[in-house]
């Protein structure tokens, strides 16, 4: 199969009445879904746009997936815009991606200023699509279909571009690494703007399963859907797991959770099994540019809890030292990946060609640091860009965060480096929780070298997050530095 929508016609033929997508308000069969996607693709083709880039600014729902899948089937590239973004964030991404069509609802459009991009109301689009004939189209495997955004070193967005082939190859990981076969009922509790949840929905539809889609994540509602519907798989990020833990309600049925977005803490992994006693967990490490890299399966969660697992299906990994030589076992180095799952490249400007970062032998890195143990399991040490330079010593904040998060009175933690005239950067811990500073210092001394123990301690009520559920480090650092200048924050040495 060459495109991410290539199997829909087959599902419609063999299982026409099977539910493809179910929401609180609606459901749609595979016969209806295939027909809808083919109509949407034909409608987009009829617009005869020279720039086949579609901006999607929609809430969760069937229309979101319809526009995304229809654009893919038509050979268009979809660019997703988050309703939570501020106007300057939307404007930056519009100027980078330059979609020829921007689809949103009337309600959401009323919040937008005047844009040079042509805005289409979803309601009008859906009406036009219903009057369009369905025509089956299939696309070339190397054709781009998805453009997302990631922050560069300056904090400005960079666009990454994915091909059909990269996602179709990733779907093999669902089969080989997660044991899926298309019979699953899959809950997608998060926003489709987040690629983890979008991928979960699109891969399920490709394989022929049923997608249960929530408007937004509410722990009690998600728990009720898991309990009352034939859900077998749930895509989650660690913040959702924390929410289920706080909810404190047991699910006795057999459930599989597929997690990404951030590393699960070991204490959380143990606790969640108290509330989901028949839980199977898959935790994978990946990146927007790389797709799946490694996976840690259910048994390995217990035997190798600190690892991110072994390479996914058809994925190769190398660890390289600063001399670009292969690192030894347990030697920290930069992680390089080679697979058919990786992205096409970055779009730094709409007037420039897509920039690839793959070397001549097909290897690519996003500058994550890690090592292999003697059994071939990968361990992440941190991101090169997060590294703290303290008096000429390299410190990875992730190592300190892991120690602090194990303390029972620490709800959340982020470690950053703040500028210091003498040392270059000072290791600074930002804590959500009620643990006393002296106790945390003692806790660190038992686990860490003295130079890794935070010199500054800041206690806050909550952390800022990215759309993928990770702590927004750059935003947090800017906030801390700004508030320290005005003495608006409690900082303890």
Protein backbone atom coordinates (compact mmCIF):
# COMPACT_ATOMS: atom_id res chain seq x y z
CA UNK A 1 0.00 0.00 0.00
CA UNK A 2 1.38 3.39 -0.94
CA UNK A 3 -0.73 5.95 0.96
CA UNK A 4 -2.11 6.23 4.48
CA UNK A 5 -5.70 5.97 3.13
CA UNK A 6 -5.10 3.13 0.67
CA UNK A 7 -6.87 0.46 2.76
CA UNK A 8 -10.17 2.30 3.26
CA UNK A 9 -11.82 0.92 0.11
CA UNK A 10 -10.87 -2.61 1.12
CA UNK A 11 -12.36 -2.15 4.60
CA UNK A 12 -15.51 -0.67 3.03
CA UNK A 13 -15.85 -3.73 0.78
CA UNK A 14 -15.19 -6.44 3.35
CA UNK A 15 -16.64 -4.77 6.49
CA UNK A 16 -19.02 -2.07 5.23
CA UNK A 17 -21.10 -1.82 8.42
CA UNK A 18 -18.21 -1.94 10.88
CA UNK A 19 -17.87 1.28 12.87
CA UNK A 20 -14.79 3.22 11.78
CA UNK A 21 -15.10 6.20 14.13
CA UNK A 22 -17.33 6.76 17.13
CA UNK A 23 -17.74 10.00 19.09
CA UNK A 24 -20.16 11.00 21.82
CA UNK A 25 -22.46 12.52 19.19
CA UNK A 26 -21.91 10.43 16.07
CA UNK A 27 -20.56 7.25 14.53
CA UNK A 28 -19.59 6.39 10.98
CA UNK A 29 -19.18 3.01 9.27
CA UNK A 30 -16.28 2.06 7.03
CA UNK A 31 -18.56 2.24 3.98
CA UNK A 32 -19.55 5.78 4.94
CA UNK A 33 -16.00 6.72 5.92
CA UNK A 34 -14.47 5.59 2.63
CA UNK A 35 -17.19 7.41 0.70
CA UNK A 36 -16.63 10.58 2.75
CA UNK A 37 -12.85 10.55 2.30
CA UNK A 38 -13.15 9.97 -1.46
CA UNK A 39 -15.64 12.85 -1.76
CA UNK A 40 -13.39 15.13 0.29
CA UNK A 41 -10.38 14.24 -1.87
CA UNK A 42 -12.31 14.91 -5.08
CA UNK A 43 -13.60 18.23 -3.71
CA UNK A 44 -10.07 19.38 -2.87
CA UNK A 45 -8.84 18.29 -6.31
CA UNK A 46 -11.64 20.31 -7.94
CA UNK A 47 -10.34 23.49 -6.31
CA UNK A 48 -7.31 23.29 -8.63
CA UNK A 49 -5.02 25.03 -6.17
CA UNK A 50 -1.42 25.50 -7.26
CA UNK A 51 -0.36 25.23 -3.62
CA UNK A 52 -1.78 21.96 -2.37
CA UNK A 53 -1.37 22.76 1.32
CA UNK A 54 -4.41 22.63 3.61
CA UNK A 55 -4.51 24.43 6.96
CA UNK A 56 -6.72 22.66 9.52
CA UNK A 57 -7.90 24.73 12.51
CA UNK A 58 -10.63 22.53 13.97
CA UNK A 59 -11.72 20.92 17.24
CA UNK A 60 -11.56 17.16 17.75
CA UNK A 61 -14.19 15.32 15.78
CA UNK A 62 -14.94 13.33 12.64
CA UNK A 63 -14.60 16.44 10.39
CA UNK A 64 -11.00 16.91 11.57
CA UNK A 65 -10.08 13.36 10.53
CA UNK A 66 -12.16 13.68 7.36
CA UNK A 67 -10.25 16.77 6.19
CA UNK A 68 -6.88 15.27 7.13
CA UNK A 69 -7.55 11.91 5.42
CA UNK A 70 -9.25 13.54 2.43
CA UNK A 71 -6.28 15.83 1.89
CA UNK A 72 -3.89 12.87 2.07
CA UNK A 73 -5.99 10.94 -0.45
CA UNK A 74 -5.95 13.96 -2.80
CA UNK A 75 -2.18 14.34 -2.65
CA UNK A 76 -2.34 17.45 -0.47
CA UNK A 77 -0.27 18.26 2.61
CA UNK A 78 -2.15 19.08 5.83
CA UNK A 79 -0.86 21.64 8.31
CA UNK A 80 -2.45 21.50 11.75
CA UNK A 81 -3.07 24.61 13.88
CA UNK A 82 -3.70 24.32 17.61
CA UNK A 83 -6.73 26.21 19.02
CA UNK A 84 -4.62 26.88 22.13
CA UNK A 85 -2.02 28.86 20.17
CA UNK A 86 -1.92 32.63 20.55
CA UNK A 87 -2.37 34.73 17.43
CA UNK A 88 1.34 35.46 17.06
CA UNK A 89 2.01 31.70 17.15
CA UNK A 90 -0.57 31.08 14.44
CA UNK A 91 0.77 33.93 12.32
CA UNK A 92 4.35 32.60 12.49
CA UNK A 93 3.25 29.15 11.38
CA UNK A 94 1.04 30.51 8.62
CA UNK A 95 3.93 32.53 7.18
CA UNK A 96 6.10 29.41 7.24
CA UNK A 97 3.63 26.90 5.78
CA UNK A 98 1.56 29.19 3.48
CA UNK A 99 -1.56 27.01 3.17
CA UNK A 100 -3.71 27.97 0.20
CA UNK A 101 -6.84 26.98 2.10
CA UNK A 102 -7.48 27.39 5.82
CA UNK A 103 -10.50 25.45 7.15
CA UNK A 104 -12.11 26.32 10.48
CA UNK A 105 -15.54 26.66 12.06
CA UNK A 106 -17.53 29.91 12.08
CA UNK A 107 -17.13 30.10 15.85
CA UNK A 108 -13.37 29.65 15.73
CA UNK A 109 -13.00 31.95 12.70
CA UNK A 110 -14.57 34.80 14.70
CA UNK A 111 -11.54 34.72 17.01
CA UNK A 112 -9.08 35.18 14.14
CA UNK A 113 -7.87 38.54 12.78
CA UNK A 114 -7.84 39.11 9.03
CA UNK A 115 -5.51 36.61 7.35
CA UNK A 116 -4.03 36.68 3.86
CA UNK A 117 -4.79 32.97 3.57
CA UNK A 118 -8.28 32.22 2.27
CA UNK A 119 -10.50 31.00 5.12
CA UNK A 120 -13.15 28.37 4.42
CA UNK A 121 -15.94 27.73 6.91
CA UNK A 122 -16.18 24.04 7.78
CA UNK A 123 -19.96 24.14 7.58
CA UNK A 124 -19.84 25.36 3.96
CA UNK A 125 -17.12 22.86 3.05
CA UNK A 126 -19.10 19.91 4.40
CA UNK A 127 -22.14 20.98 2.38
CA UNK A 128 -20.10 21.25 -0.83
CA UNK A 129 -18.40 17.91 -0.18
CA UNK A 130 -21.74 16.11 0.21
CA UNK A 131 -22.65 17.24 -3.33
CA UNK A 132 -19.35 15.94 -4.77
CA UNK A 133 -18.91 12.55 -6.42
CA UNK A 134 -16.59 10.07 -4.64
CA UNK A 135 -13.54 9.20 -6.73
CA UNK A 136 -10.88 6.78 -5.48
CA UNK A 137 -7.37 8.18 -5.62
CA UNK A 138 -4.07 6.67 -4.53
CA UNK A 139 -0.86 8.61 -4.04
CA UNK A 140 2.84 8.05 -4.48
CA UNK A 141 4.57 6.75 -1.37
CA UNK A 142 7.17 9.52 -1.30
CA UNK A 143 4.60 12.32 -1.56
CA UNK A 144 4.35 14.60 1.51
CA UNK A 145 1.03 14.57 3.34
CA UNK A 146 1.70 16.08 6.79
CA UNK A 147 3.51 19.16 8.02
CA UNK A 148 3.99 19.71 11.74
CA UNK A 149 5.99 22.13 13.83
CA UNK A 150 8.82 21.79 16.30
CA UNK A 151 10.78 24.52 18.05
CA UNK A 152 14.30 25.30 16.91
CA UNK A 153 17.13 26.40 19.16
CA UNK A 154 15.81 29.98 19.05
CA UNK A 155 12.31 28.93 20.08
CA UNK A 156 10.92 29.86 16.65
CA UNK A 157 8.94 27.12 14.93
CA UNK A 158 10.47 24.80 12.35
CA UNK A 159 8.24 22.85 10.02
CA UNK A 160 8.91 19.13 9.57
CA UNK A 161 7.45 17.24 6.62
CA UNK A 162 6.40 13.58 6.55
CA UNK A 163 5.74 11.32 3.55
CA UNK A 164 3.04 8.67 3.14
CA UNK A 165 5.73 6.00 3.12
CA UNK A 166 7.09 7.06 6.52
CA UNK A 167 3.71 6.57 8.22
CA UNK A 168 2.76 3.42 6.29
CA UNK A 169 6.11 1.96 7.40
CA UNK A 170 5.31 3.06 10.96
CA UNK A 171 2.02 1.15 10.82
CA UNK A 172 4.11 -2.04 10.68
CA UNK A 173 5.29 -1.19 14.21
CA UNK A 174 1.66 -1.31 15.39
CA UNK A 175 1.54 -4.90 14.15
CA UNK A 176 5.00 -6.15 15.14
CA UNK A 177 5.72 -4.13 18.29
CA UNK A 178 2.25 -3.54 19.76
CA UNK A 179 0.58 -6.74 18.56
CA UNK A 180 -2.30 -5.01 16.75
CA UNK A 181 -4.23 -6.67 13.92
CA UNK A 182 -7.13 -4.35 13.05
CA UNK A 183 -9.71 -5.87 15.41
CA UNK A 184 -9.03 -3.36 18.20
CA UNK A 185 -11.33 -0.74 19.70
CA UNK A 186 -8.96 2.17 20.29
CA UNK A 187 -9.60 5.16 22.53
CA UNK A 188 -8.04 8.45 21.40
CA UNK A 189 -8.56 10.69 24.44
CA UNK A 190 -6.31 13.60 23.44
CA UNK A 191 -6.24 16.42 20.90
CA UNK A 192 -5.64 15.41 17.29
CA UNK A 193 -3.31 18.37 16.91
CA UNK A 194 -0.85 16.20 18.88
CA UNK A 195 0.77 13.75 16.46
CA UNK A 196 0.69 10.90 19.00
CA UNK A 197 -3.12 10.94 19.02
CA UNK A 198 -3.48 11.75 15.32
CA UNK A 199 -1.20 8.83 14.49
CA UNK A 200 -3.19 6.59 16.84
CA UNK A 201 -6.41 7.41 14.99
CA UNK A 202 -5.02 7.20 11.45
CA UNK A 203 -3.09 3.97 12.07
CA UNK A 204 -6.20 2.36 13.58
CA UNK A 205 -8.26 3.32 10.52
CA UNK A 206 -5.54 1.99 8.20
CA UNK A 207 -5.56 -1.38 9.97
CA UNK A 208 -9.35 -1.53 10.16
CA UNK A 209 -10.05 -1.04 13.86
CA UNK A 210 -12.57 1.26 15.51
CA UNK A 211 -11.57 4.70 16.76
CA UNK A 212 -13.32 6.11 19.84
CA UNK A 213 -12.65 9.85 19.77
CA UNK A 214 -13.18 12.24 22.68
CA UNK A 215 -13.87 15.96 22.23
CA UNK A 216 -11.27 16.64 24.91
CA UNK A 217 -9.58 14.77 27.73
CA UNK A 218 -11.55 14.68 30.96
CA UNK A 219 -10.27 11.92 33.27
CA UNK A 220 -13.68 10.89 34.59
CA UNK A 221 -15.20 10.78 31.11
CA UNK A 222 -12.28 8.86 29.62
CA UNK A 223 -12.46 6.39 32.50
CA UNK A 224 -16.21 5.91 31.87
CA UNK A 225 -15.63 5.24 28.16
CA UNK A 226 -12.94 2.66 28.97
CA UNK A 227 -15.27 1.01 31.48
CA UNK A 228 -18.49 0.98 29.43
CA UNK A 229 -17.26 0.57 25.84
CA UNK A 230 -15.31 -2.37 24.35
CA UNK A 231 -12.04 -0.42 24.52
CA UNK A 232 -8.93 -2.60 24.24
CA UNK A 233 -6.22 0.03 23.58
CA UNK A 234 -5.74 3.57 24.90
CA UNK A 235 -3.20 6.06 23.55
CA UNK A 236 -1.90 8.16 26.45
CA UNK A 237 0.75 10.65 27.49
CA UNK A 238 2.17 10.55 31.04
CA UNK A 239 0.08 13.53 32.23
CA UNK A 240 -3.03 11.47 31.47
CA UNK A 241 -1.66 8.58 33.51
CA UNK A 242 -1.18 10.97 36.45
CA UNK A 243 -4.78 12.10 36.01
CA UNK A 244 -6.02 8.49 36.14
CA UNK A 245 -3.97 7.96 39.29
CA UNK A 246 -5.57 10.99 40.96
CA UNK A 247 -9.01 9.77 39.90
CA UNK A 248 -8.37 6.57 41.83
CA UNK A 249 -10.91 4.26 40.16
CA UNK A 250 -10.26 0.65 39.23
CA UNK A 251 -10.66 -0.78 35.72
CA UNK A 252 -10.71 -4.58 35.96
CA UNK A 253 -10.90 -5.35 32.22
CA UNK A 254 -7.83 -6.07 30.11
CA UNK A 255 -6.44 -2.80 28.72
CA UNK A 256 -3.35 -1.89 26.73
CA UNK A 257 -1.83 1.59 27.06
CA UNK A 258 0.52 3.00 24.41
CA UNK A 259 2.47 5.93 25.82
CA UNK A 260 4.66 8.62 24.35
CA UNK A 261 5.37 12.31 24.88
CA UNK A 262 7.63 11.95 27.92
CA UNK A 263 9.24 9.22 30.00
CA UNK A 264 6.98 7.48 32.49
CA UNK A 265 8.39 7.67 35.98
CA UNK A 266 8.99 4.30 37.61
CA UNK A 267 6.74 5.12 40.59
CA UNK A 268 3.90 5.99 38.21
CA UNK A 269 4.36 2.71 36.31
CA UNK A 270 3.99 0.76 39.55
CA UNK A 271 1.03 2.78 40.82
CA UNK A 272 -1.06 2.61 37.65
CA UNK A 273 -1.20 -1.18 37.88
CA UNK A 274 -3.10 -0.86 41.17
CA UNK A 275 -5.95 0.82 39.29
CA UNK A 276 -5.58 -1.18 36.06
CA UNK A 277 -4.72 -4.68 37.36
CA UNK A 278 -4.91 -6.26 33.87
CA UNK A 279 -2.86 -3.54 32.22
CA UNK A 280 -0.42 -4.12 29.36
CA UNK A 281 1.92 -1.18 28.83
CA UNK A 282 3.95 -0.17 25.80
CA UNK A 283 6.20 2.83 26.16
CA UNK A 284 7.95 4.00 23.05
CA UNK A 285 10.67 6.51 22.42
CA UNK A 286 10.46 8.52 19.25
CA UNK A 287 10.43 12.02 17.82
CA UNK A 288 8.36 13.99 15.33
CA UNK A 289 11.19 13.65 12.84
CA UNK A 290 11.97 9.98 13.53
CA UNK A 291 8.63 8.33 14.33
CA UNK A 292 9.16 5.13 16.38
CA UNK A 293 12.70 4.45 17.59
CA UNK A 294 12.50 2.00 20.52
CA UNK A 295 9.75 0.28 22.47
CA UNK A 296 9.65 -1.11 26.01
CA UNK A 297 7.08 -3.87 26.27
CA UNK A 298 5.04 -5.01 29.24
CA UNK A 299 7.53 -7.52 30.73
CA UNK A 300 10.48 -5.20 30.17
CA UNK A 301 8.77 -2.47 32.20
CA UNK A 302 9.65 -4.56 35.25
CA UNK A 303 13.07 -5.90 34.24
CA UNK A 304 14.42 -2.70 32.62
CA UNK A 305 12.31 0.09 34.13
CA UNK A 306 14.82 2.86 33.43
CA UNK A 307 15.24 1.95 29.76
CA UNK A 308 13.27 3.10 26.72
CA UNK A 309 13.56 -0.38 25.24
CA UNK A 310 14.96 -2.00 22.13
CA UNK A 311 14.75 -0.85 18.49
CA UNK A 312 11.32 -1.00 16.89
CA UNK A 313 10.58 -3.14 13.85
CA UNK A 314 12.99 -2.33 10.97
CA UNK A 315 14.74 0.43 12.96
CA UNK A 316 18.54 0.60 13.35
CA UNK A 317 20.29 2.61 16.09
CA UNK A 318 23.87 3.67 16.64
CA UNK A 319 25.42 5.49 19.60
CA UNK A 320 28.36 7.67 18.56
CA UNK A 321 30.97 9.43 20.68
CA UNK A 322 32.26 12.98 19.95
CA UNK A 323 34.77 11.54 17.46
CA UNK A 324 31.83 10.04 15.52
CA UNK A 325 33.02 6.52 16.40
CA UNK A 326 30.65 3.83 17.67
CA UNK A 327 30.33 4.12 21.44
CA UNK A 328 31.08 1.19 23.70
CA UNK A 329 28.50 -0.53 25.93
CA UNK A 330 27.38 1.85 28.69
CA UNK A 331 29.24 4.74 27.04
CA UNK A 332 27.13 7.87 26.57
CA UNK A 333 26.95 9.28 23.06
CA UNK A 334 24.66 10.83 20.48
CA UNK A 335 21.80 8.65 19.19
CA UNK A 336 21.60 8.08 15.43
CA UNK A 337 18.67 6.34 13.73
CA UNK A 338 18.18 4.74 10.32
CA UNK A 339 14.78 3.51 9.11
CA UNK A 340 12.03 4.02 6.56
CA UNK A 341 10.02 5.77 9.25
CA UNK A 342 11.99 9.02 9.35
CA UNK A 343 10.72 12.32 7.96
CA UNK A 344 11.58 13.99 4.64
CA UNK A 345 13.18 17.03 6.27
CA UNK A 346 12.65 20.57 7.59
CA UNK A 347 11.02 23.49 5.84
CA UNK A 348 12.82 26.58 7.12
CA UNK A 349 11.23 28.97 4.63
CA UNK A 350 8.29 28.62 2.21
CA UNK A 351 10.57 29.73 -0.63
CA UNK A 352 13.31 27.20 0.07
CA UNK A 353 13.41 23.46 -0.69
CA UNK A 354 12.91 20.98 2.14
CA UNK A 355 16.20 20.54 4.02
CA UNK A 356 17.12 16.94 4.79
CA UNK A 357 19.36 16.09 7.75
CA UNK A 358 19.96 12.45 6.82
CA UNK A 359 23.58 11.63 5.98
CA UNK A 360 24.73 9.77 2.86
CA UNK A 361 24.20 6.41 4.58
CA UNK A 362 20.67 7.22 5.76
CA UNK A 363 21.48 8.02 9.39
CA UNK A 364 19.77 10.91 11.19
CA UNK A 365 19.93 12.40 14.69
CA UNK A 366 17.81 14.85 16.68
CA UNK A 367 20.70 15.23 19.15
CA UNK A 368 19.37 13.03 21.91
CA UNK A 369 22.04 11.47 24.11
CA UNK A 370 22.01 7.93 25.49
CA UNK A 371 23.71 4.56 25.77
CA UNK A 372 23.13 0.83 25.25
CA UNK A 373 23.48 -1.60 28.14
CA UNK A 374 24.98 -5.07 27.82
CA UNK A 375 21.58 -6.52 26.84
CA UNK A 376 21.00 -4.07 23.99
CA UNK A 377 18.49 -1.82 25.79
CA UNK A 378 18.64 1.90 25.11
CA UNK A 379 18.78 4.43 27.96
CA UNK A 380 18.18 8.14 27.39
CA UNK A 381 20.46 10.49 29.27
CA UNK A 382 19.04 13.73 27.95
CA UNK A 383 18.90 16.13 25.08
CA UNK A 384 22.05 17.87 24.01
CA UNK A 385 20.18 21.20 23.93
CA UNK A 386 19.04 20.73 27.57
CA UNK A 387 22.57 20.11 28.80
CA UNK A 388 23.78 22.37 31.63
CA UNK A 389 27.40 23.59 31.52
CA UNK A 390 28.46 24.03 35.16
CA UNK A 391 32.06 25.12 35.60
CA UNK A 392 33.07 23.26 32.45
CA UNK A 393 31.20 20.07 33.46
CA UNK A 394 28.34 18.74 31.34
CA UNK A 395 25.23 17.91 33.38
CA UNK A 396 22.07 16.34 31.97
CA UNK A 397 19.00 17.63 33.83
CA UNK A 398 17.01 14.48 33.08
CA UNK A 399 19.24 12.47 35.43
CA UNK A 400 18.51 14.85 38.33
CA UNK A 401 14.81 14.96 37.50
CA UNK A 402 14.61 11.18 37.68
CA UNK A 403 16.05 11.20 41.21
CA UNK A 404 13.82 14.01 42.44
CA UNK A 405 10.64 12.61 40.90
CA UNK A 406 11.14 9.43 42.92
CA UNK A 407 10.51 11.42 46.13
CA UNK A 408 6.96 10.82 47.36
CA UNK A 409 6.31 14.53 48.04
CA UNK A 410 7.40 15.73 44.59
CA UNK A 411 4.51 15.91 42.16
CA UNK A 412 6.48 17.33 39.25
CA UNK A 413 10.02 18.53 38.67
CA UNK A 414 12.03 20.29 36.00
CA UNK A 415 15.75 21.02 36.18
CA UNK A 416 17.22 23.89 34.17
CA UNK A 417 20.46 25.87 34.05
CA UNK A 418 20.32 29.53 35.06
CA UNK A 419 23.09 31.92 34.05
CA UNK A 420 25.80 32.52 36.67
CA UNK A 421 28.84 34.79 36.33
CA UNK A 422 31.19 32.41 38.12
CA UNK A 423 30.01 28.96 37.11
CA UNK A 424 28.46 29.64 33.72
CA UNK A 425 25.19 27.96 34.67
CA UNK A 426 23.72 26.96 38.03
CA UNK A 427 21.70 23.75 38.35
CA UNK A 428 18.21 24.88 39.34
CA UNK A 429 15.29 22.64 40.36
CA UNK A 430 11.70 23.78 39.87
CA UNK A 431 9.39 21.75 42.08
CA UNK A 432 5.64 21.19 42.29
CA UNK A 433 4.98 19.56 45.66
CA UNK A 434 5.32 20.10 49.39
CA UNK A 435 8.69 18.45 50.06
CA UNK A 436 11.01 20.63 52.22
CA UNK A 437 14.16 21.84 50.49
CA UNK A 438 16.49 20.29 53.12
CA UNK A 439 14.88 16.90 52.64
CA UNK A 440 15.26 17.11 48.86
CA UNK A 441 18.92 18.03 49.23
CA UNK A 442 19.48 14.97 51.45
CA UNK A 443 17.59 12.85 48.94
CA UNK A 444 19.86 14.06 46.11
CA UNK A 445 23.05 13.53 48.12
CA UNK A 446 22.19 9.85 48.44
CA UNK A 447 21.91 9.41 44.67
CA UNK A 448 23.94 12.09 42.90
CA UNK A 449 27.47 13.45 42.71
CA UNK A 450 27.83 16.72 44.60
CA UNK A 451 28.16 18.87 41.46
CA UNK A 452 24.79 17.59 40.19
CA UNK A 453 22.83 18.63 43.30
CA UNK A 454 20.73 21.72 42.53
CA UNK A 455 22.13 24.97 43.91
CA UNK A 456 18.82 26.78 43.53
CA UNK A 457 15.37 25.52 44.45
CA UNK A 458 12.17 27.12 43.19
CA UNK A 459 8.72 25.99 44.26
CA UNK A 460 5.75 26.65 41.97
CA UNK A 461 2.06 25.76 41.84
CA UNK A 462 2.10 24.36 38.29
CA UNK A 463 4.26 23.86 35.20
CA UNK A 464 3.72 25.10 31.63
CA UNK A 465 3.20 22.30 29.10
CA UNK A 466 3.65 21.69 25.40
CA UNK A 467 0.77 20.23 23.37
CA UNK A 468 2.38 16.79 23.70
CA UNK A 469 2.13 16.87 27.49
CA UNK A 470 5.79 17.61 28.13
CA UNK A 471 6.99 20.36 30.43
CA UNK A 472 7.77 23.38 28.23
CA UNK A 473 11.38 23.90 29.31
CA UNK A 474 12.15 26.98 27.22
CA UNK A 475 8.97 28.71 28.37
CA UNK A 476 9.61 27.69 31.98
CA UNK A 477 13.16 29.03 31.88
CA UNK A 478 12.05 32.35 30.40
CA UNK A 479 9.33 32.64 33.03
CA UNK A 480 11.72 31.90 35.90
CA UNK A 481 14.36 34.33 34.62
CA UNK A 482 11.76 37.07 34.12
CA UNK A 483 10.21 36.65 37.56
CA UNK A 484 13.59 36.48 39.27
CA UNK A 485 14.48 39.86 37.81
CA UNK A 486 11.37 41.37 39.38
CA UNK A 487 11.69 39.35 42.61
CA UNK A 488 8.27 37.87 41.87
CA UNK A 489 9.30 34.30 42.62
CA UNK A 490 10.52 32.46 45.69
CA UNK A 491 14.06 31.28 44.98
CA UNK A 492 16.05 29.31 47.54
CA UNK A 493 19.76 28.49 47.51
